[in-house]
Amino acid sequence: MAKTEIPRNAITLVSPDREFMATAQTAFSSSKTIELVSVDSAVTEVTGSVVTDATGVVVVDLDDANLETLEALQRLKRRCGEVVPIVAVLRTCEPSVMRILVQMQIADFLMKPVSTADLVRACSRALRGPASLDNDE
């Protein structure tokens, strides 16, 4: 008997930014298949796992991408494993930070202010996985 795979259609948003959380809520409010789970805290304050069996993508708000937040992101990435991709959202774009995100194999990154279309597109692409890149826009 084949094992039934649990659909991973929840997006977990880790952010202390209420405005960004409202943008994300708006972006996914019309979706009947995607559930948005909000974690109202900075990535440095996250303890334990924010990932459940239904989590398909974790979106992490890195307003201040410093050593402490990047280390916290690395810990979260280890807890997510290879199964759950992470999309990072940043306020500034420094080449050294971008290089670290690439080395961590972060699925995508977005710059604030984030449009709802860009957020939905990045999360959808991450949910589909790396094989979807061949046929992307």
C-alpha atoms as a PDB file:
ATOM      1  CA  MET A   1       0.000   0.000   0.000  1.00  0.00           C
ATOM      2  CA  ALA A   2       1.412   3.405  -0.981  1.00  0.00           C
ATOM      3  CA  LYS A   3       2.015   5.917   1.752  1.00  0.00           C
ATOM      4  CA  THR A   4      -0.320   8.905   1.553  1.00  0.00           C
ATOM      5  CA  GLU A   5       1.644  12.126   1.505  1.00  0.00           C
ATOM      6  CA  ILE A   6       0.398  14.931   3.733  1.00  0.00           C
ATOM      7  CA  PRO A   7      -0.123  18.088   1.667  1.00  0.00           C
ATOM      8  CA  ARG A   8       2.221  20.811   2.830  1.00  0.00           C
ATOM      9  CA  ASN A   9       0.166  23.911   2.149  1.00  0.00           C
ATOM     10  CA  ALA A  10       0.714  26.043   5.245  1.00  0.00           C
ATOM     11  CA  ILE A  11       2.980  29.062   5.115  1.00  0.00           C
ATOM     12  CA  THR A  12       4.522  30.075   8.414  1.00  0.00           C
ATOM     13  CA  LEU A  13       5.430  33.749   8.674  1.00  0.00           C
ATOM     14  CA  VAL A  14       7.962  34.746  11.342  1.00  0.00           C
ATOM     15  CA  SER A  15       7.935  38.521  11.793  1.00  0.00           C
ATOM     16  CA  PRO A  16       7.572  41.169  14.481  1.00  0.00           C
ATOM     17  CA  ASP A  17       6.439  43.667  11.773  1.00  0.00           C
ATOM     18  CA  ARG A  18       2.650  44.052  12.018  1.00  0.00           C
ATOM     19  CA  GLU A  19       2.453  45.928   8.704  1.00  0.00           C
ATOM     20  CA  PHE A  20       4.250  43.111   6.888  1.00  0.00           C
ATOM     21  CA  MET A  21       2.022  40.540   8.606  1.00  0.00           C
ATOM     22  CA  ALA A  22      -1.040  42.444   7.388  1.00  0.00           C
ATOM     23  CA  THR A  23       0.390  42.446   3.845  1.00  0.00           C
ATOM     24  CA  ALA A  24       0.907  38.677   4.042  1.00  0.00           C
ATOM     25  CA  GLN A  25      -2.595  38.161   5.432  1.00  0.00           C
ATOM     26  CA  THR A  26      -3.998  40.151   2.493  1.00  0.00           C
ATOM     27  CA  ALA A  27      -1.851  38.228   0.013  1.00  0.00           C
ATOM     28  CA  PHE A  28      -3.171  34.821   1.072  1.00  0.00           C
ATOM     29  CA  SER A  29      -6.670  35.715   2.309  1.00  0.00           C
ATOM     30  CA  SER A  30      -8.395  34.673  -0.902  1.00  0.00           C
ATOM     31  CA  SER A  31      -6.623  31.311  -1.124  1.00  0.00           C
ATOM     32  CA  LYS A  32      -8.738  28.294  -0.273  1.00  0.00           C
ATOM     33  CA  THR A  33      -5.722  25.965  -0.308  1.00  0.00           C
ATOM     34  CA  ILE A  34      -3.032  27.891   1.568  1.00  0.00           C
ATOM     35  CA  GLU A  35      -3.170  28.558   5.284  1.00  0.00           C
ATOM     36  CA  LEU A  36      -1.039  31.380   6.716  1.00  0.00           C
ATOM     37  CA  VAL A  37       0.300  30.803  10.224  1.00  0.00           C
ATOM     38  CA  SER A  38       1.773  33.925  11.838  1.00  0.00           C
ATOM     39  CA  VAL A  39       4.486  33.868  14.490  1.00  0.00           C
ATOM     40  CA  ASP A  40       4.636  37.366  15.967  1.00  0.00           C
ATOM     41  CA  SER A  41       8.321  37.524  16.905  1.00  0.00           C
ATOM     42  CA  ALA A  42      11.767  38.128  15.538  1.00  0.00           C
ATOM     43  CA  VAL A  43      13.698  35.109  14.279  1.00  0.00           C
ATOM     44  CA  THR A  44      16.142  35.600  17.171  1.00  0.00           C
ATOM     45  CA  GLU A  45      13.287  35.004  19.646  1.00  0.00           C
ATOM     46  CA  VAL A  46      11.969  31.811  18.035  1.00  0.00           C
ATOM     47  CA  THR A  47      12.486  28.812  20.282  1.00  0.00           C
ATOM     48  CA  GLY A  48      11.612  25.325  19.233  1.00  0.00           C
ATOM     49  CA  SER A  49      10.194  24.555  15.841  1.00  0.00           C
ATOM     50  CA  VAL A  50       7.684  26.633  13.919  1.00  0.00           C
ATOM     51  CA  VAL A  51       7.303  23.788  11.440  1.00  0.00           C
ATOM     52  CA  THR A  52       4.370  21.360  11.504  1.00  0.00           C
ATOM     53  CA  ASP A  53       3.479  18.466   9.220  1.00  0.00           C
ATOM     54  CA  ALA A  54       1.478  20.890   7.072  1.00  0.00           C
ATOM     55  CA  THR A  55       4.192  23.561   6.769  1.00  0.00           C
ATOM     56  CA  GLY A  56       5.264  23.968   3.168  1.00  0.00           C
ATOM     57  CA  VAL A  57       7.238  27.224   3.399  1.00  0.00           C
ATOM     58  CA  VAL A  58       8.616  29.409   6.181  1.00  0.00           C
ATOM     59  CA  VAL A  59       8.841  33.147   5.462  1.00  0.00           C
ATOM     60  CA  VAL A  60      11.292  34.919   7.770  1.00  0.00           C
ATOM     61  CA  ASP A  61      11.428  38.681   8.195  1.00  0.00           C
ATOM     62  CA  LEU A  62      15.066  39.730   8.681  1.00  0.00           C
ATOM     63  CA  ASP A  63      14.665  43.474   9.148  1.00  0.00           C
ATOM     64  CA  ASP A  64      18.115  43.846  10.613  1.00  0.00           C
ATOM     65  CA  ALA A  65      20.298  41.216   8.921  1.00  0.00           C
ATOM     66  CA  ASN A  66      23.153  41.167  11.409  1.00  0.00           C
ATOM     67  CA  LEU A  67      25.235  38.293  12.763  1.00  0.00           C
ATOM     68  CA  GLU A  68      22.696  37.437  15.479  1.00  0.00           C
ATOM     69  CA  THR A  69      19.736  37.241  13.061  1.00  0.00           C
ATOM     70  CA  LEU A  70      21.716  35.268  10.485  1.00  0.00           C
ATOM     71  CA  GLU A  71      22.775  32.759  13.162  1.00  0.00           C
ATOM     72  CA  ALA A  72      19.131  32.452  14.274  1.00  0.00           C
ATOM     73  CA  LEU A  73      18.136  31.916  10.636  1.00  0.00           C
ATOM     74  CA  GLN A  74      20.760  29.169  10.352  1.00  0.00           C
ATOM     75  CA  ARG A  75      19.329  27.427  13.435  1.00  0.00           C
ATOM     76  CA  LEU A  76      15.826  27.669  11.966  1.00  0.00           C
ATOM     77  CA  LYS A  77      17.097  26.314   8.640  1.00  0.00           C
ATOM     78  CA  ARG A  78      18.556  23.286  10.434  1.00  0.00           C
ATOM     79  CA  ARG A  79      15.216  22.670  12.183  1.00  0.00           C
ATOM     80  CA  CYS A  80      13.364  22.939   8.852  1.00  0.00           C
ATOM     81  CA  GLY A  81      15.765  20.532   7.188  1.00  0.00           C
ATOM     82  CA  GLU A  82      15.727  19.962   3.457  1.00  0.00           C
ATOM     83  CA  VAL A  83      11.955  19.464   3.341  1.00  0.00           C
ATOM     84  CA  VAL A  84      10.717  22.975   4.180  1.00  0.00           C
ATOM     85  CA  PRO A  85      12.152  25.872   2.164  1.00  0.00           C
ATOM     86  CA  ILE A  86      12.707  29.310   3.666  1.00  0.00           C
ATOM     87  CA  VAL A  87      11.973  32.643   1.998  1.00  0.00           C
ATOM     88  CA  ALA A  88      13.852  35.565   3.574  1.00  0.00           C
ATOM     89  CA  VAL A  89      12.521  39.117   3.583  1.00  0.00           C
ATOM     90  CA  LEU A  90      15.060  41.914   4.067  1.00  0.00           C
ATOM     91  CA  ARG A  91      15.029  45.669   4.379  1.00  0.00           C
ATOM     92  CA  THR A  92      18.507  46.196   2.914  1.00  0.00           C
ATOM     93  CA  CYS A  93      20.516  44.319   0.341  1.00  0.00           C
ATOM     94  CA  GLU A  94      24.170  43.911   1.195  1.00  0.00           C
ATOM     95  CA  PRO A  95      26.261  41.581  -0.973  1.00  0.00           C
ATOM     96  CA  SER A  96      27.772  39.836   2.064  1.00  0.00           C
ATOM     97  CA  VAL A  97      24.293  39.017   3.423  1.00  0.00           C
ATOM     98  CA  MET A  98      23.098  37.802   0.024  1.00  0.00           C
ATOM     99  CA  ARG A  99      26.113  35.503  -0.195  1.00  0.00           C
ATOM    100  CA  ILE A 100      25.343  34.017   3.224  1.00  0.00           C
ATOM    101  CA  LEU A 101      21.706  33.425   2.197  1.00  0.00           C
ATOM    102  CA  VAL A 102      22.851  31.643  -0.974  1.00  0.00           C
ATOM    103  CA  GLN A 103      25.274  29.509   1.043  1.00  0.00           C
ATOM    104  CA  MET A 104      22.431  28.606   3.431  1.00  0.00           C
ATOM    105  CA  GLN A 105      20.375  27.566   0.410  1.00  0.00           C
ATOM    106  CA  ILE A 106      17.525  29.925   1.219  1.00  0.00           C
ATOM    107  CA  ALA A 107      14.824  29.322  -1.418  1.00  0.00           C
ATOM    108  CA  ASP A 108      14.253  32.993  -2.247  1.00  0.00           C
ATOM    109  CA  PHE A 109      14.618  36.464  -0.828  1.00  0.00           C
ATOM    110  CA  LEU A 110      12.475  39.561  -1.145  1.00  0.00           C
ATOM    111  CA  MET A 111      13.126  43.207  -0.371  1.00  0.00           C
ATOM    112  CA  LYS A 112      10.804  45.357   1.748  1.00  0.00           C
ATOM    113  CA  PRO A 113       8.397  46.799   0.938  1.00  0.00           C
ATOM    114  CA  VAL A 114       7.101  43.522  -0.476  1.00  0.00           C
ATOM    115  CA  SER A 115       4.201  43.518  -2.890  1.00  0.00           C
ATOM    116  CA  THR A 116       1.524  40.902  -2.342  1.00  0.00           C
ATOM    117  CA  ALA A 117       2.147  39.546  -5.866  1.00  0.00           C
ATOM    118  CA  ASP A 118       5.872  39.049  -5.189  1.00  0.00           C
ATOM    119  CA  LEU A 119       5.168  37.348  -1.864  1.00  0.00           C
ATOM    120  CA  VAL A 120       2.615  34.966  -3.379  1.00  0.00           C
ATOM    121  CA  ARG A 121       4.909  34.214  -6.333  1.00  0.00           C
ATOM    122  CA  ALA A 122       7.925  33.467  -4.099  1.00  0.00           C
ATOM    123  CA  CYS A 123       5.909  31.228  -1.771  1.00  0.00           C
ATOM    124  CA  SER A 124       4.235  29.396  -4.655  1.00  0.00           C
ATOM    125  CA  ARG A 125       7.602  28.769  -6.283  1.00  0.00           C
ATOM    126  CA  ALA A 126       9.031  27.502  -2.986  1.00  0.00           C
ATOM    127  CA  LEU A 127       6.014  25.234  -2.432  1.00  0.00           C
ATOM    128  CA  ARG A 128       6.494  23.665  -5.874  1.00  0.00           C
ATOM    129  CA  GLY A 129      10.186  23.038  -5.174  1.00  0.00           C
ATOM    130  CA  PRO A 130      13.339  23.313  -7.263  1.00  0.00           C
ATOM    131  CA  ALA A 131      11.948  21.243 -10.156  1.00  0.00           C
ATOM    132  CA  SER A 132       9.509  24.080 -10.913  1.00  0.00           C
ATOM    133  CA  LEU A 133      12.335  26.450 -11.869  1.00  0.00           C
ATOM    134  CA  ASP A 134      12.586  24.912 -15.342  1.00  0.00           C
ATOM    135  CA  ASN A 135       9.082  26.000 -16.310  1.00  0.00           C
ATOM    136  CA  ASP A 136       8.870  29.223 -14.340  1.00  0.00           C
ATOM    137  CA  GLU A 137       7.875  32.585 -15.803  1.00  0.00           C
END
